[in-house]
Protein backbone atom coordinates (compact mmCIF):
# COMPACT_ATOMS: atom_id res chain seq x y z
CA UNK A 1 -0.05 0.03 0.03
CA UNK A 2 0.95 3.66 -0.28
CA UNK A 3 2.78 4.83 2.84
CA UNK A 4 2.08 8.52 3.06
CA UNK A 5 4.12 9.10 6.19
CA UNK A 6 7.24 7.17 5.32
CA UNK A 7 10.56 9.08 5.18
CA UNK A 8 11.61 12.68 5.40
CA UNK A 9 10.51 13.51 1.92
CA UNK A 10 6.87 12.75 2.89
CA UNK A 11 7.22 14.82 5.94
CA UNK A 12 8.68 17.76 4.02
CA UNK A 13 5.94 17.45 1.41
CA UNK A 14 3.24 17.35 4.11
CA UNK A 15 4.56 20.56 5.61
CA UNK A 16 4.59 22.22 2.18
CA UNK A 17 0.98 21.13 1.53
CA UNK A 18 0.06 22.53 5.00
CA UNK A 19 1.54 25.91 4.19
CA UNK A 20 -0.06 26.01 0.78
CA UNK A 21 -3.45 25.17 2.23
CA UNK A 22 -3.12 27.59 5.10
CA UNK A 23 -2.30 30.48 2.72
CA UNK A 24 -4.37 29.68 -0.38
CA UNK A 25 -7.61 28.49 1.16
CA UNK A 26 -8.66 31.62 2.90
CA UNK A 27 -7.58 33.80 -0.04
CA UNK A 28 -9.56 31.64 -2.44
CA UNK A 29 -12.70 31.53 -0.34
CA UNK A 30 -12.69 35.17 0.71
CA UNK A 31 -11.96 36.58 -2.74
CA UNK A 32 -14.97 37.97 -4.65
CA UNK A 33 -16.37 35.38 -6.98
CA UNK A 34 -15.70 37.51 -10.09
CA UNK A 35 -12.02 38.43 -9.16
CA UNK A 36 -10.49 35.49 -11.11
CA UNK A 37 -10.94 34.43 -14.76
CA UNK A 38 -12.76 31.11 -14.99
CA UNK A 39 -9.82 29.11 -16.10
CA UNK A 40 -7.65 30.30 -13.14
CA UNK A 41 -10.54 29.74 -10.81
CA UNK A 42 -10.70 26.11 -11.98
CA UNK A 43 -6.96 25.55 -11.73
CA UNK A 44 -6.85 26.94 -8.19
CA UNK A 45 -9.92 24.90 -7.16
CA UNK A 46 -8.33 21.81 -8.58
CA UNK A 47 -5.03 22.50 -6.84
CA UNK A 48 -6.88 22.93 -3.59
CA UNK A 49 -8.84 19.75 -4.13
CA UNK A 50 -5.65 17.67 -4.78
CA UNK A 51 -3.84 19.22 -1.82
CA UNK A 52 -6.72 18.65 0.61
CA UNK A 53 -6.94 15.03 -0.57
CA UNK A 54 -3.23 14.39 -0.32
CA UNK A 55 -2.90 16.23 2.99
CA UNK A 56 -5.71 14.11 4.43
CA UNK A 57 -4.12 10.88 3.22
CA UNK A 58 -0.72 11.62 4.73
CA UNK A 59 -2.27 13.01 7.90
CA UNK A 60 -4.48 9.94 8.44
CA UNK A 61 -1.37 7.79 7.89
CA UNK A 62 0.38 9.71 10.63
CA UNK A 63 -2.57 9.20 12.92
CA UNK A 64 -2.80 5.41 12.20
CA UNK A 65 0.90 4.80 12.64
CA UNK A 66 1.30 7.01 15.72
CA UNK A 67 -1.83 6.51 17.74
CA UNK A 68 -3.65 3.32 16.72
CA UNK A 69 -0.84 1.00 17.90
CA UNK A 70 -1.30 2.53 21.37
CA UNK A 71 -4.89 1.35 21.36
CA UNK A 72 -4.59 -1.98 19.56
CA UNK A 73 -1.84 -3.32 17.30
CA UNK A 74 -4.41 -5.58 15.65
CA UNK A 75 -6.12 -2.53 14.17
CA UNK A 76 -3.11 -1.52 12.09
CA UNK A 77 -3.08 -4.74 10.00
CA UNK A 78 0.03 -6.65 8.80
CA UNK A 79 3.34 -4.79 8.86
C-alpha cells in the first residue's frame, strides 16, 4: 500500500501542503467570485482539491501509525 508518512520527503511534502493550504484556502474563499478568470478559478480549485486529498491521506497515515498501535496493534493490519 501507499505509505504517506514514510521518510523525510513525505514529511517535508506534508509541511509544504500545510503551508499551501493555510495560505491559499482563505484567499480563495474570501476573494470575490468575479475576481478570477474562469480558467484560473478552475486551476486553483483543482489544486486545492488535490492538496486537501493528499494532505488528508498523509495526515491519516500519521494518525494510524502513531496512535492506533497505542490502542490496539491488531487494528493496524500486517506490517
